[in-house]
Amino acid sequence: MDIKAKIDEVVNKVKNDKGFAEKFQKEPIKAVEEVLGVDLPDDAIKNIIDGVKAKINIEDIKGKIGGLFGGNK
């Protein structure tokens, strides 16, 4: 399993599906299992959850910083 690809898949679903984003916020393990389609050990899923949260936070920060320098004259 390509963990990075799965993290990207979950990030895209969180960003594009409000219902899934709410589920991820409330029950991240169940939400990730839903996307993966398999039942993995909690440790493996927690690594994916941490990766998703980190990626979402980094992209949010980039968006905010980009807005500061983004040609709004």
PDB file of N, CA and C in Angstrom:
ATOM      1  N   MET A   1       0.848  -1.185   0.000  1.00  0.00           N
ATOM      2  CA  MET A   1       0.000   0.000   0.000  1.00  0.00           C
ATOM      3  C   MET A   1       0.890   1.243   0.000  1.00  0.00           C
ATOM      4  N   ASP A   2       0.596   2.156  -0.889  1.00  0.00           N
ATOM      5  CA  ASP A   2       1.324   3.414  -0.973  1.00  0.00           C
ATOM      6  C   ASP A   2       0.687   4.400   0.011  1.00  0.00           C
ATOM      7  N   ILE A   3       1.316   4.553   1.159  1.00  0.00           N
ATOM      8  CA  ILE A   3       0.767   5.399   2.233  1.00  0.00           C
ATOM      9  C   ILE A   3       0.602   6.835   1.763  1.00  0.00           C
ATOM     10  N   LYS A   4       1.610   7.370   1.064  1.00  0.00           N
ATOM     11  CA  LYS A   4       1.530   8.756   0.592  1.00  0.00           C
ATOM     12  C   LYS A   4       0.325   8.951  -0.320  1.00  0.00           C
ATOM     13  N   ALA A   5       0.089   8.009  -1.208  1.00  0.00           N
ATOM     14  CA  ALA A   5      -1.059   8.107  -2.116  1.00  0.00           C
ATOM     15  C   ALA A   5      -2.366   8.052  -1.330  1.00  0.00           C
ATOM     16  N   LYS A   6      -2.425   7.216  -0.307  1.00  0.00           N
ATOM     17  CA  LYS A   6      -3.638   7.111   0.508  1.00  0.00           C
ATOM     18  C   LYS A   6      -3.865   8.395   1.302  1.00  0.00           C
ATOM     19  N   ILE A   7      -2.780   8.983   1.810  1.00  0.00           N
ATOM     20  CA  ILE A   7      -2.904  10.264   2.523  1.00  0.00           C
ATOM     21  C   ILE A   7      -3.464  11.316   1.573  1.00  0.00           C
ATOM     22  N   ASP A   8      -2.917  11.384   0.351  1.00  0.00           N
ATOM     23  CA  ASP A   8      -3.403  12.348  -0.635  1.00  0.00           C
ATOM     24  C   ASP A   8      -4.876  12.105  -0.960  1.00  0.00           C
ATOM     25  N   GLU A   9      -5.267  10.845  -1.057  1.00  0.00           N
ATOM     26  CA  GLU A   9      -6.648  10.494  -1.349  1.00  0.00           C
ATOM     27  C   GLU A   9      -7.580  10.983  -0.236  1.00  0.00           C
ATOM     28  N   VAL A  10      -7.174  10.766   1.007  1.00  0.00           N
ATOM     29  CA  VAL A  10      -8.000  11.203   2.143  1.00  0.00           C
ATOM     30  C   VAL A  10      -8.042  12.726   2.199  1.00  0.00           C
ATOM     31  N   VAL A  11      -6.903  13.393   1.976  1.00  0.00           N
ATOM     32  CA  VAL A  11      -6.863  14.862   1.984  1.00  0.00           C
ATOM     33  C   VAL A  11      -7.832  15.413   0.941  1.00  0.00           C
ATOM     34  N   ASN A  12      -7.809  14.857  -0.257  1.00  0.00           N
ATOM     35  CA  ASN A  12      -8.709  15.328  -1.318  1.00  0.00           C
ATOM     36  C   ASN A  12     -10.169  15.141  -0.924  1.00  0.00           C
ATOM     37  N   LYS A  13     -10.467  14.018  -0.306  1.00  0.00           N
ATOM     38  CA  LYS A  13     -11.850  13.756   0.105  1.00  0.00           C
ATOM     39  C   LYS A  13     -12.269  14.716   1.218  1.00  0.00           C
ATOM     40  N   VAL A  14     -11.370  14.991   2.162  1.00  0.00           N
ATOM     41  CA  VAL A  14     -11.672  15.943   3.244  1.00  0.00           C
ATOM     42  C   VAL A  14     -11.959  17.325   2.661  1.00  0.00           C
ATOM     43  N   LYS A  15     -11.159  17.739   1.678  1.00  0.00           N
ATOM     44  CA  LYS A  15     -11.312  19.073   1.106  1.00  0.00           C
ATOM     45  C   LYS A  15     -12.549  19.211   0.230  1.00  0.00           C
ATOM     46  N   ASN A  16     -12.971  18.125  -0.404  1.00  0.00           N
ATOM     47  CA  ASN A  16     -14.031  18.218  -1.393  1.00  0.00           C
ATOM     48  C   ASN A  16     -15.377  17.670  -0.950  1.00  0.00           C
ATOM     49  N   ASP A  17     -15.439  17.059   0.213  1.00  0.00           N
ATOM     50  CA  ASP A  17     -16.684  16.438   0.689  1.00  0.00           C
ATOM     51  C   ASP A  17     -16.919  16.883   2.130  1.00  0.00           C
ATOM     52  N   LYS A  18     -17.808  17.859   2.289  1.00  0.00           N
ATOM     53  CA  LYS A  18     -18.045  18.430   3.625  1.00  0.00           C
ATOM     54  C   LYS A  18     -18.494  17.372   4.625  1.00  0.00           C
ATOM     55  N   GLY A  19     -19.359  16.463   4.196  1.00  0.00           N
ATOM     56  CA  GLY A  19     -19.836  15.400   5.080  1.00  0.00           C
ATOM     57  C   GLY A  19     -18.701  14.508   5.537  1.00  0.00           C
ATOM     58  N   PHE A  20     -17.803  14.177   4.598  1.00  0.00           N
ATOM     59  CA  PHE A  20     -16.657  13.354   4.961  1.00  0.00           C
ATOM     60  C   PHE A  20     -15.711  14.121   5.883  1.00  0.00           C
ATOM     61  N   ALA A  21     -15.541  15.413   5.633  1.00  0.00           N
ATOM     62  CA  ALA A  21     -14.673  16.233   6.485  1.00  0.00           C
ATOM     63  C   ALA A  21     -15.176  16.223   7.926  1.00  0.00           C
ATOM     64  N   GLU A  22     -16.493  16.314   8.087  1.00  0.00           N
ATOM     65  CA  GLU A  22     -17.073  16.267   9.432  1.00  0.00           C
ATOM     66  C   GLU A  22     -16.853  14.899  10.062  1.00  0.00           C
ATOM     67  N   LYS A  23     -17.019  13.848   9.261  1.00  0.00           N
ATOM     68  CA  LYS A  23     -16.799  12.497   9.778  1.00  0.00           C
ATOM     69  C   LYS A  23     -15.333  12.311  10.177  1.00  0.00           C
ATOM     70  N   PHE A  24     -14.423  12.825   9.345  1.00  0.00           N
ATOM     71  CA  PHE A  24     -12.998  12.716   9.650  1.00  0.00           C
ATOM     72  C   PHE A  24     -12.679  13.431  10.960  1.00  0.00           C
ATOM     73  N   GLN A  25     -13.324  14.564  11.168  1.00  0.00           N
ATOM     74  CA  GLN A  25     -13.088  15.322  12.391  1.00  0.00           C
ATOM     75  C   GLN A  25     -13.600  14.570  13.622  1.00  0.00           C
ATOM     76  N   LYS A  26     -14.772  13.926  13.497  1.00  0.00           N
ATOM     77  CA  LYS A  26     -15.388  13.237  14.632  1.00  0.00           C
ATOM     78  C   LYS A  26     -14.835  11.833  14.849  1.00  0.00           C
ATOM     79  N   GLU A  27     -14.678  11.085  13.756  1.00  0.00           N
ATOM     80  CA  GLU A  27     -14.252   9.686  13.836  1.00  0.00           C
ATOM     81  C   GLU A  27     -13.193   9.406  12.756  1.00  0.00           C
ATOM     82  N   PRO A  28     -11.986   9.915  12.952  1.00  0.00           N
ATOM     83  CA  PRO A  28     -10.979   9.801  11.891  1.00  0.00           C
ATOM     84  C   PRO A  28     -10.636   8.362  11.503  1.00  0.00           C
ATOM     85  N   ILE A  29     -10.606   7.454  12.452  1.00  0.00           N
ATOM     86  CA  ILE A  29     -10.258   6.066  12.129  1.00  0.00           C
ATOM     87  C   ILE A  29     -11.302   5.463  11.193  1.00  0.00           C
ATOM     88  N   LYS A  30     -12.572   5.631  11.526  1.00  0.00           N
ATOM     89  CA  LYS A  30     -13.635   5.093  10.676  1.00  0.00           C
ATOM     90  C   LYS A  30     -13.638   5.762   9.306  1.00  0.00           C
ATOM     91  N   ALA A  31     -13.379   7.062   9.281  1.00  0.00           N
ATOM     92  CA  ALA A  31     -13.366   7.786   8.004  1.00  0.00           C
ATOM     93  C   ALA A  31     -12.249   7.282   7.099  1.00  0.00           C
ATOM     94  N   VAL A  32     -11.067   7.088   7.655  1.00  0.00           N
ATOM     95  CA  VAL A  32      -9.933   6.606   6.856  1.00  0.00           C
ATOM     96  C   VAL A  32     -10.197   5.184   6.382  1.00  0.00           C
ATOM     97  N   GLU A  33     -10.726   4.342   7.237  1.00  0.00           N
ATOM     98  CA  GLU A  33     -11.051   2.966   6.836  1.00  0.00           C
ATOM     99  C   GLU A  33     -12.060   2.967   5.686  1.00  0.00           C
ATOM    100  N   GLU A  34     -12.993   3.908   5.721  1.00  0.00           N
ATOM    101  CA  GLU A  34     -13.986   4.014   4.647  1.00  0.00           C
ATOM    102  C   GLU A  34     -13.301   4.297   3.311  1.00  0.00           C
ATOM    103  N   VAL A  35     -12.346   5.204   3.303  1.00  0.00           N
ATOM    104  CA  VAL A  35     -11.639   5.548   2.065  1.00  0.00           C
ATOM    105  C   VAL A  35     -10.746   4.398   1.612  1.00  0.00           C
ATOM    106  N   LEU A  36     -10.048   3.785   2.566  1.00  0.00           N
ATOM    107  CA  LEU A  36      -9.125   2.709   2.216  1.00  0.00           C
ATOM    108  C   LEU A  36      -9.859   1.444   1.784  1.00  0.00           C
ATOM    109  N   GLY A  37     -11.037   1.239   2.349  1.00  0.00           N
ATOM    110  CA  GLY A  37     -11.798   0.051   2.022  1.00  0.00           C
ATOM    111  C   GLY A  37     -11.284  -1.206   2.709  1.00  0.00           C
ATOM    112  N   VAL A  38     -10.406  -1.033   3.684  1.00  0.00           N
ATOM    113  CA  VAL A  38      -9.867  -2.167   4.440  1.00  0.00           C
ATOM    114  C   VAL A  38      -9.784  -1.798   5.909  1.00  0.00           C
ATOM    115  N   ASP A  39      -9.752  -2.812   6.733  1.00  0.00           N
ATOM    116  CA  ASP A  39      -9.609  -2.625   8.177  1.00  0.00           C
ATOM    117  C   ASP A  39      -8.153  -2.865   8.528  1.00  0.00           C
ATOM    118  N   LEU A  40      -7.452  -1.791   8.868  1.00  0.00           N
ATOM    119  CA  LEU A  40      -6.037  -1.888   9.230  1.00  0.00           C
ATOM    120  C   LEU A  40      -5.880  -1.752  10.734  1.00  0.00           C
ATOM    121  N   PRO A  41      -4.726  -2.171  11.266  1.00  0.00           N
ATOM    122  CA  PRO A  41      -4.465  -1.941  12.688  1.00  0.00           C
ATOM    123  C   PRO A  41      -4.501  -0.439  12.990  1.00  0.00           C
ATOM    124  N   ASP A  42      -4.970  -0.100  14.172  1.00  0.00           N
ATOM    125  CA  ASP A  42      -5.109   1.309  14.544  1.00  0.00           C
ATOM    126  C   ASP A  42      -3.806   2.085  14.392  1.00  0.00           C
ATOM    127  N   ASP A  43      -2.666   1.455  14.685  1.00  0.00           N
ATOM    128  CA  ASP A  43      -1.381   2.152  14.558  1.00  0.00           C
ATOM    129  C   ASP A  43      -1.139   2.601  13.124  1.00  0.00           C
ATOM    130  N   ALA A  44      -1.442   1.749  12.163  1.00  0.00           N
ATOM    131  CA  ALA A  44      -1.250   2.093  10.753  1.00  0.00           C
ATOM    132  C   ALA A  44      -2.182   3.224  10.350  1.00  0.00           C
ATOM    133  N   ILE A  45      -3.415   3.155  10.801  1.00  0.00           N
ATOM    134  CA  ILE A  45      -4.382   4.197  10.463  1.00  0.00           C
ATOM    135  C   ILE A  45      -4.013   5.510  11.139  1.00  0.00           C
ATOM    136  N   LYS A  46      -3.521   5.458  12.356  1.00  0.00           N
ATOM    137  CA  LYS A  46      -3.119   6.694  13.047  1.00  0.00           C
ATOM    138  C   LYS A  46      -1.996   7.393  12.296  1.00  0.00           C
ATOM    139  N   ASN A  47      -1.087   6.631  11.688  1.00  0.00           N
ATOM    140  CA  ASN A  47      -0.029   7.240  10.886  1.00  0.00           C
ATOM    141  C   ASN A  47      -0.622   7.976   9.688  1.00  0.00           C
ATOM    142  N   ILE A  48      -1.629   7.383   9.059  1.00  0.00           N
ATOM    143  CA  ILE A  48      -2.288   8.026   7.925  1.00  0.00           C
ATOM    144  C   ILE A  48      -3.029   9.275   8.396  1.00  0.00           C
ATOM    145  N   ILE A  49      -3.738   9.175   9.512  1.00  0.00           N
ATOM    146  CA  ILE A  49      -4.462  10.318  10.065  1.00  0.00           C
ATOM    147  C   ILE A  49      -3.502  11.465  10.359  1.00  0.00           C
ATOM    148  N   ASP A  50      -2.371  11.158  10.988  1.00  0.00           N
ATOM    149  CA  ASP A  50      -1.378  12.197  11.285  1.00  0.00           C
ATOM    150  C   ASP A  50      -0.864  12.844  10.006  1.00  0.00           C
ATOM    151  N   GLY A  51      -0.644  12.032   8.974  1.00  0.00           N
ATOM    152  CA  GLY A  51      -0.190  12.560   7.692  1.00  0.00           C
ATOM    153  C   GLY A  51      -1.224  13.463   7.049  1.00  0.00           C
ATOM    154  N   VAL A  52      -2.493  13.073   7.128  1.00  0.00           N
ATOM    155  CA  VAL A  52      -3.574  13.887   6.567  1.00  0.00           C
ATOM    156  C   VAL A  52      -3.656  15.218   7.305  1.00  0.00           C
ATOM    157  N   LYS A  53      -3.652  15.174   8.627  1.00  0.00           N
ATOM    158  CA  LYS A  53      -3.745  16.407   9.420  1.00  0.00           C
ATOM    159  C   LYS A  53      -2.576  17.330   9.131  1.00  0.00           C
ATOM    160  N   ALA A  54      -1.384  16.776   9.027  1.00  0.00           N
ATOM    161  CA  ALA A  54      -0.201  17.589   8.746  1.00  0.00           C
ATOM    162  C   ALA A  54      -0.314  18.232   7.367  1.00  0.00           C
ATOM    163  N   LYS A  55      -0.731  17.463   6.381  1.00  0.00           N
ATOM    164  CA  LYS A  55      -0.839  17.979   5.013  1.00  0.00           C
ATOM    165  C   LYS A  55      -1.903  19.063   4.923  1.00  0.00           C
ATOM    166  N   ILE A  56      -3.030  18.860   5.579  1.00  0.00           N
ATOM    167  CA  ILE A  56      -4.093  19.872   5.558  1.00  0.00           C
ATOM    168  C   ILE A  56      -3.599  21.156   6.212  1.00  0.00           C
ATOM    169  N   ASN A  57      -2.917  21.037   7.343  1.00  0.00           N
ATOM    170  CA  ASN A  57      -2.408  22.222   8.037  1.00  0.00           C
ATOM    171  C   ASN A  57      -1.377  22.958   7.191  1.00  0.00           C
ATOM    172  N   ILE A  58      -0.485  22.242   6.541  1.00  0.00           N
ATOM    173  CA  ILE A  58       0.537  22.872   5.707  1.00  0.00           C
ATOM    174  C   ILE A  58      -0.120  23.591   4.532  1.00  0.00           C
ATOM    175  N   GLU A  59      -1.096  22.964   3.896  1.00  0.00           N
ATOM    176  CA  GLU A  59      -1.764  23.593   2.753  1.00  0.00           C
ATOM    177  C   GLU A  59      -2.563  24.817   3.181  1.00  0.00           C
ATOM    178  N   ASP A  60      -3.176  24.772   4.362  1.00  0.00           N
ATOM    179  CA  ASP A  60      -3.895  25.940   4.875  1.00  0.00           C
ATOM    180  C   ASP A  60      -2.931  27.091   5.113  1.00  0.00           C
ATOM    181  N   ILE A  61      -1.789  26.797   5.686  1.00  0.00           N
ATOM    182  CA  ILE A  61      -0.778  27.826   5.957  1.00  0.00           C
ATOM    183  C   ILE A  61      -0.276  28.417   4.642  1.00  0.00           C
ATOM    184  N   LYS A  62      -0.001  27.560   3.657  1.00  0.00           N
ATOM    185  CA  LYS A  62       0.454  28.054   2.356  1.00  0.00           C
ATOM    186  C   LYS A  62      -0.581  28.978   1.739  1.00  0.00           C
ATOM    187  N   GLY A  63      -1.854  28.610   1.841  1.00  0.00           N
ATOM    188  CA  GLY A  63      -2.913  29.440   1.288  1.00  0.00           C
ATOM    189  C   GLY A  63      -2.983  30.799   1.960  1.00  0.00           C
ATOM    190  N   LYS A  64      -2.821  30.817   3.252  1.00  0.00           N
ATOM    191  CA  LYS A  64      -2.869  32.082   3.986  1.00  0.00           C
ATOM    192  C   LYS A  64      -1.650  32.938   3.653  1.00  0.00           C
ATOM    193  N   ILE A  65      -0.486  32.321   3.568  1.00  0.00           N
ATOM    194  CA  ILE A  65       0.727  33.075   3.241  1.00  0.00           C
ATOM    195  C   ILE A  65       0.650  33.576   1.799  1.00  0.00           C
ATOM    196  N   GLY A  66       0.164  32.705   0.903  1.00  0.00           N
ATOM    197  CA  GLY A  66       0.018  33.105  -0.493  1.00  0.00           C
ATOM    198  C   GLY A  66      -0.882  34.320  -0.638  1.00  0.00           C
ATOM    199  N   GLY A  67      -1.906  34.409   0.181  1.00  0.00           N
ATOM    200  CA  GLY A  67      -2.808  35.544   0.167  1.00  0.00           C
ATOM    201  C   GLY A  67      -2.124  36.841   0.572  1.00  0.00           C
ATOM    202  N   LEU A  68      -1.103  36.715   1.411  1.00  0.00           N
ATOM    203  CA  LEU A  68      -0.365  37.904   1.841  1.00  0.00           C
ATOM    204  C   LEU A  68       0.479  38.482   0.710  1.00  0.00           C
ATOM    205  N   PHE A  69       0.953  37.624  -0.177  1.00  0.00           N
ATOM    206  CA  PHE A  69       1.866  38.064  -1.230  1.00  0.00           C
ATOM    207  C   PHE A  69       1.267  37.927  -2.611  1.00  0.00           C
ATOM    208  N   GLY A  70      -0.002  37.610  -2.694  1.00  0.00           N
ATOM    209  CA  GLY A  70      -0.620  37.246  -3.964  1.00  0.00           C
ATOM    210  C   GLY A  70      -1.138  38.387  -4.804  1.00  0.00           C
ATOM    211  N   GLY A  71      -0.374  39.301  -5.182  1.00  0.00           N
ATOM    212  CA  GLY A  71      -0.705  40.292  -6.197  1.00  0.00           C
ATOM    213  C   GLY A  71      -1.991  41.084  -5.989  1.00  0.00           C
ATOM    214  N   ASN A  72      -2.475  41.185  -4.794  1.00  0.00           N
ATOM    215  CA  ASN A  72      -3.661  42.026  -4.538  1.00  0.00           C
ATOM    216  C   ASN A  72      -3.205  43.457  -4.340  1.00  0.00           C
ATOM    217  N   LYS A  73      -3.198  44.214  -5.431  1.00  0.00           N
ATOM    218  CA  LYS A  73      -2.674  45.595  -5.353  1.00  0.00           C
ATOM    219  C   LYS A  73      -3.794  46.576  -5.219  1.00  0.00           C
TER     220      LYS A  73
END
